[in-house]
Amino acid sequence: MSPGTHTVAVIGTGKIGELMLSGLLRAGWPAGALLATARRAERREALREQYGLRVVDNLTAVVEADVIVIAVKPQDAAALLDEVGGKVPADKLVVSMCAGLPTSFFARRLPEGAPVVRVMTNTPALVDQAMTAISAGGHANGEHLALAEELFRPLGRTIRVPESQQDAVTALSGSGPAYFYLLVEAMIDAGILLGLPRQVARDLIVQTAIGSAVMLRDSGEHPVALREAVTSPAGTTIAAIRELERHGVRAAMLAALEAARDRARELAADNA
């Protein structure tokens, strides 16, 4: 599919919807093939001025677009579908970016047979390094999944997963950037504690994080093997790892991701 073959509307263009639209524009998608909706007037004007997008009302978006991307907050999805769900043609692809909401939520509020694809991406889409997981709803087929992949591939990597795994994806990669930022923040503070200027500590840690991530991606090695390569007997690294284990960092991470997964499930239950 070449850019602009399909008209794409993002309904509820907040931060994550904007990330998608800006990524498509960077990939060569013509602004004329993209539609956006937003609740606040100042937001609509900002989207027009910054991206040259056509900003329309929700009903116009569902009527004119070939692909309808729903990017509203989960708690706002039911009201949106009450407004426009019955107006969505059954042959148009609906892509949900609403965290926690299963495709069955949309199927109950859309015309019978409407294909829905559930997507979880993350904020590194801003630099075209997102991780996007894509799942098919009951009426979505391989062509629908391929179309969704084409839309999100400009933002980074895509992967297909069963929908039953989407809450885990939300916990792991959807929320994942925040965990890394928190870790980097703590390491910068540690560098300051050890006597380094803040900017020096930041430069050291950020480049170390980038280098480590590239090695993980490109080497094919298990993280344990890469960690052991840095960990010499009776050295500085093993002393630090002992303290991390003593303070339960690994257990805390497991518990944190379980909590994020459980919250995703709660969002689905709260908005059923």
Protein backbone atom coordinates (compact mmCIF):
# COMPACT_ATOMS: atom_id res chain seq x y z
CA MET A 1 0.00 0.00 0.00
CA SER A 2 1.45 3.34 -1.02
CA PRO A 3 0.96 6.45 1.12
CA GLY A 4 -2.37 8.07 0.49
CA THR A 5 -4.06 4.99 -1.00
CA HIS A 6 -6.51 5.06 1.89
CA THR A 7 -7.97 8.02 3.76
CA VAL A 8 -7.27 7.66 7.48
CA ALA A 9 -9.19 9.46 10.21
CA VAL A 10 -7.95 9.67 13.79
CA ILE A 11 -10.84 10.32 16.13
CA GLY A 12 -9.76 11.94 19.37
CA THR A 13 -6.36 13.29 18.40
CA GLY A 14 -4.59 13.52 21.73
CA LYS A 15 -0.93 12.68 22.29
CA ILE A 16 -1.03 9.13 20.95
CA GLY A 17 -3.24 10.04 17.98
CA GLU A 18 -0.92 12.90 17.12
CA LEU A 19 2.07 10.54 17.24
CA MET A 20 0.41 8.36 14.63
CA LEU A 21 -0.53 11.23 12.32
CA SER A 22 2.88 12.87 12.53
CA GLY A 23 4.54 9.53 11.78
CA LEU A 24 2.41 9.01 8.69
CA LEU A 25 3.25 12.50 7.49
CA ARG A 26 6.98 11.84 7.98
CA ALA A 27 6.57 8.65 5.96
CA GLY A 28 5.20 10.63 3.01
CA TRP A 29 1.48 10.30 3.63
CA PRO A 30 -0.22 13.34 2.04
CA ALA A 31 -2.01 15.58 4.52
CA GLY A 32 -5.04 15.48 2.26
CA ALA A 33 -5.47 11.77 2.96
CA LEU A 34 -5.52 12.30 6.73
CA LEU A 35 -8.40 13.52 8.87
CA ALA A 36 -8.38 14.41 12.55
CA THR A 37 -10.98 15.19 15.18
CA ALA A 38 -10.50 16.86 18.55
CA ARG A 39 -12.87 18.03 21.25
CA ARG A 40 -11.35 21.43 22.06
CA ALA A 41 -11.30 24.29 19.55
CA GLU A 42 -7.73 25.29 20.41
CA ARG A 43 -6.58 21.73 19.84
CA ARG A 44 -8.27 21.61 16.45
CA GLU A 45 -6.60 24.88 15.44
CA ALA A 46 -3.20 23.63 16.60
CA LEU A 47 -3.50 20.48 14.45
CA ARG A 48 -4.40 22.57 11.42
CA GLU A 49 -1.54 25.00 11.90
CA GLN A 50 1.19 22.50 12.78
CA TYR A 51 0.41 19.72 10.31
CA GLY A 52 -1.88 21.22 7.67
CA LEU A 53 -4.47 18.57 8.46
CA ARG A 54 -8.13 18.69 7.70
CA VAL A 55 -9.85 18.70 11.10
CA VAL A 56 -13.48 17.63 10.97
CA ASP A 57 -16.31 16.51 13.24
CA ASN A 58 -16.63 12.86 14.26
CA LEU A 59 -19.49 12.05 11.90
CA THR A 60 -17.66 13.47 8.87
CA ALA A 61 -14.61 11.43 9.84
CA VAL A 62 -16.44 8.09 9.93
CA VAL A 63 -18.28 8.80 6.68
CA GLU A 64 -15.29 9.99 4.61
CA ALA A 65 -12.41 7.86 5.90
CA ASP A 66 -11.50 4.37 4.71
CA VAL A 67 -9.81 3.56 8.02
CA ILE A 68 -11.17 4.90 11.31
CA VAL A 69 -8.66 5.07 14.14
CA ILE A 70 -10.25 5.55 17.56
CA ALA A 71 -7.73 7.18 19.91
CA VAL A 72 -9.97 8.61 22.62
CA LYS A 73 -9.49 7.82 26.31
CA PRO A 74 -11.03 4.44 27.21
CA GLN A 75 -13.63 6.07 29.44
CA ASP A 76 -14.80 8.22 26.49
CA ALA A 77 -15.13 5.40 23.96
CA ALA A 78 -18.70 4.38 24.82
CA ALA A 79 -20.03 7.92 24.41
CA LEU A 80 -18.20 8.28 21.11
CA LEU A 81 -19.67 5.06 19.76
CA ASP A 82 -23.12 6.05 20.97
CA GLU A 83 -22.67 9.14 18.79
CA VAL A 84 -21.24 7.63 15.61
CA GLY A 85 -21.07 3.84 15.95
CA GLY A 86 -24.25 3.23 13.98
CA LYS A 87 -23.00 5.46 11.16
CA VAL A 88 -19.82 3.45 10.53
CA PRO A 89 -20.14 1.42 7.31
CA ALA A 90 -19.65 -2.26 8.07
CA ASP A 91 -16.89 -2.63 5.46
CA LYS A 92 -14.62 0.04 6.95
CA LEU A 93 -11.70 -0.95 9.15
CA VAL A 94 -11.86 0.35 12.71
CA VAL A 95 -8.56 0.51 14.57
CA SER A 96 -8.72 0.88 18.35
CA MET A 97 -5.88 2.54 20.23
CA CYS A 98 -7.91 2.58 23.46
CA ALA A 99 -5.85 0.89 26.18
CA GLY A 100 -7.60 -1.99 27.87
CA LEU A 101 -10.70 -2.13 25.66
CA PRO A 102 -11.23 -5.45 23.83
CA THR A 103 -12.46 -5.60 20.27
CA SER A 104 -15.72 -7.09 21.58
CA PHE A 105 -16.43 -3.70 23.20
CA PHE A 106 -16.48 -2.13 19.74
CA ALA A 107 -18.25 -5.03 18.04
CA ARG A 108 -21.25 -4.56 20.33
CA ARG A 109 -21.51 -0.91 19.33
CA LEU A 110 -20.76 -1.13 15.59
CA PRO A 111 -22.76 -2.57 12.71
CA GLU A 112 -22.69 -6.37 12.49
CA GLY A 113 -19.54 -7.64 10.80
CA ALA A 114 -17.49 -4.45 11.15
CA PRO A 115 -13.77 -5.40 11.27
CA VAL A 116 -11.89 -4.14 14.33
CA VAL A 117 -8.15 -4.32 14.95
CA ARG A 118 -6.77 -3.58 18.40
CA VAL A 119 -3.43 -1.78 18.59
CA MET A 120 -1.04 -0.92 21.41
CA THR A 121 1.87 1.31 20.51
CA ASN A 122 4.15 3.50 22.64
CA THR A 123 5.61 6.98 22.75
CA PRO A 124 8.94 6.24 20.97
CA ALA A 125 6.74 6.60 17.89
CA LEU A 126 7.81 10.23 18.14
CA VAL A 127 11.28 9.20 16.91
CA ASP A 128 10.06 6.33 14.70
CA GLN A 129 11.15 3.72 17.24
CA ALA A 130 7.79 2.53 18.55
CA MET A 131 6.87 -1.04 19.39
CA THR A 132 3.33 -1.69 18.14
CA ALA A 133 1.35 -4.85 18.85
CA ILE A 134 -1.61 -5.61 16.59
CA SER A 135 -4.49 -8.03 17.21
CA ALA A 136 -7.47 -9.01 15.08
CA GLY A 137 -11.03 -8.84 16.31
CA GLY A 138 -13.61 -11.44 15.36
CA HIS A 139 -14.39 -10.00 11.91
CA ALA A 140 -10.89 -8.82 10.99
CA ASN A 141 -8.94 -10.91 8.49
CA GLY A 142 -5.37 -11.00 7.22
CA GLU A 143 -5.93 -8.07 4.88
CA HIS A 144 -7.14 -5.92 7.76
CA LEU A 145 -4.09 -6.85 9.85
CA ALA A 146 -1.78 -6.08 6.92
CA LEU A 147 -3.40 -2.67 6.48
CA ALA A 148 -2.99 -1.89 10.18
CA GLU A 149 0.66 -2.92 9.96
CA GLU A 150 1.21 -0.58 7.03
CA LEU A 151 -0.26 2.29 9.03
CA PHE A 152 1.95 1.71 12.07
CA ARG A 153 5.15 0.50 10.43
CA PRO A 154 6.40 4.08 9.83
CA LEU A 155 6.38 4.53 13.61
CA GLY A 156 8.80 1.66 14.31
CA ARG A 157 8.38 -2.10 14.63
CA THR A 158 5.11 -4.03 14.54
CA ILE A 159 4.20 -7.46 15.85
CA ARG A 160 1.03 -9.54 15.68
CA VAL A 161 -0.21 -11.05 18.93
CA PRO A 162 -3.42 -12.81 20.02
CA GLU A 163 -5.80 -10.34 21.60
CA SER A 164 -5.63 -12.30 24.86
CA GLN A 165 -2.04 -11.03 25.22
CA GLN A 166 -2.82 -7.35 24.72
CA ASP A 167 -3.12 -6.48 28.43
CA ALA A 168 0.35 -7.94 28.96
CA VAL A 169 1.62 -5.95 25.98
CA THR A 170 0.13 -2.80 27.50
CA ALA A 171 2.01 -3.46 30.74
CA LEU A 172 5.30 -4.37 29.09
CA SER A 173 5.81 -2.12 26.07
CA GLY A 174 2.88 0.27 26.17
CA SER A 175 3.91 1.56 29.59
CA GLY A 176 7.49 0.38 29.17
CA PRO A 177 9.14 3.70 28.23
CA ALA A 178 8.15 5.12 31.64
CA TYR A 179 10.05 2.34 33.43
CA PHE A 180 13.22 3.10 31.49
CA TYR A 181 12.88 6.82 32.09
CA LEU A 182 12.47 6.18 35.80
CA LEU A 183 15.58 3.98 35.83
CA VAL A 184 17.60 6.58 33.90
CA GLU A 185 16.40 9.28 36.29
CA ALA A 186 17.55 7.21 39.27
CA MET A 187 20.94 6.52 37.68
CA ILE A 188 21.46 10.21 36.94
CA ASP A 189 20.71 10.98 40.59
CA ALA A 190 23.21 8.29 41.57
CA GLY A 191 25.84 9.91 39.36
CA ILE A 192 25.24 13.23 41.11
CA LEU A 193 25.53 11.49 44.48
CA LEU A 194 28.89 10.11 43.35
CA GLY A 195 30.12 13.60 42.47
CA LEU A 196 29.40 13.99 38.76
CA PRO A 197 27.80 17.11 37.28
CA ARG A 198 24.18 16.48 36.24
CA GLN A 199 24.82 16.93 32.51
CA VAL A 200 27.83 14.60 32.59
CA ALA A 201 25.81 11.96 34.45
CA ARG A 202 22.97 12.34 31.94
CA ASP A 203 25.26 12.01 28.92
CA LEU A 204 26.93 8.92 30.38
CA ILE A 205 23.68 7.14 31.19
CA VAL A 206 21.73 8.06 28.04
CA GLN A 207 24.49 6.86 25.72
CA THR A 208 24.97 3.74 27.82
CA ALA A 209 21.23 3.03 27.53
CA ILE A 210 21.30 3.53 23.76
CA GLY A 211 24.35 1.33 23.30
CA SER A 212 22.93 -1.41 25.52
CA ALA A 213 19.61 -1.38 23.65
CA VAL A 214 21.33 -1.66 20.26
CA MET A 215 23.44 -4.58 21.52
CA LEU A 216 20.31 -6.33 22.79
CA ARG A 217 18.59 -5.82 19.45
CA ASP A 218 21.45 -6.63 17.10
CA SER A 219 23.63 -9.20 18.88
CA GLY A 220 21.04 -11.93 19.27
CA GLU A 221 22.49 -12.67 22.70
CA HIS A 222 20.35 -13.37 25.74
CA PRO A 223 20.35 -10.49 28.25
CA VAL A 224 21.98 -12.80 30.80
CA ALA A 225 24.95 -13.39 28.47
CA LEU A 226 25.38 -9.68 27.84
CA ARG A 227 25.17 -8.92 31.57
CA GLU A 228 27.70 -11.65 32.41
CA ALA A 229 30.12 -10.17 29.87
CA VAL A 230 30.23 -7.01 32.01
CA THR A 231 30.34 -8.85 35.33
CA SER A 232 33.89 -9.89 36.27
CA PRO A 233 34.73 -11.83 39.45
CA ALA A 234 34.88 -9.69 42.59
CA GLY A 235 34.45 -6.57 40.45
CA THR A 236 32.38 -3.42 40.62
CA THR A 237 29.44 -4.71 38.59
CA ILE A 238 28.74 -7.77 40.72
CA ALA A 239 28.89 -5.60 43.83
CA ALA A 240 26.21 -3.35 42.33
CA ILE A 241 24.06 -6.28 41.18
CA ARG A 242 24.19 -7.80 44.66
CA GLU A 243 22.69 -4.58 46.03
CA LEU A 244 20.01 -4.50 43.34
CA GLU A 245 19.02 -8.05 44.19
CA ARG A 246 19.15 -7.37 47.93
CA HIS A 247 16.71 -4.49 47.46
CA GLY A 248 14.35 -6.63 45.40
CA VAL A 249 14.59 -4.75 42.10
CA ARG A 250 13.72 -7.82 40.04
CA ALA A 251 10.73 -8.68 42.23
CA ALA A 252 9.59 -5.06 42.18
CA MET A 253 9.64 -5.06 38.37
CA LEU A 254 7.58 -8.25 38.21
CA ALA A 255 5.06 -6.80 40.64
CA ALA A 256 4.93 -3.49 38.75
CA LEU A 257 4.12 -5.14 35.43
CA GLU A 258 1.46 -7.30 37.04
CA ALA A 259 -0.09 -4.12 38.46
CA ALA A 260 -0.09 -2.48 35.03
CA ARG A 261 -1.66 -5.60 33.48
CA ASP A 262 -4.33 -5.67 36.17
CA ARG A 263 -5.11 -1.99 35.63
CA ALA A 264 -5.60 -2.64 31.92
CA ARG A 265 -8.11 -5.34 32.83
CA GLU A 266 -9.86 -2.95 35.21
CA LEU A 267 -10.22 -0.39 32.43
CA ALA A 268 -11.97 -2.99 30.30
CA ALA A 269 -14.28 -3.98 33.16
CA ASP A 270 -15.05 -0.36 34.09
CA ASN A 271 -16.00 0.50 30.52
CA ALA A 272 -17.79 -2.69 29.50
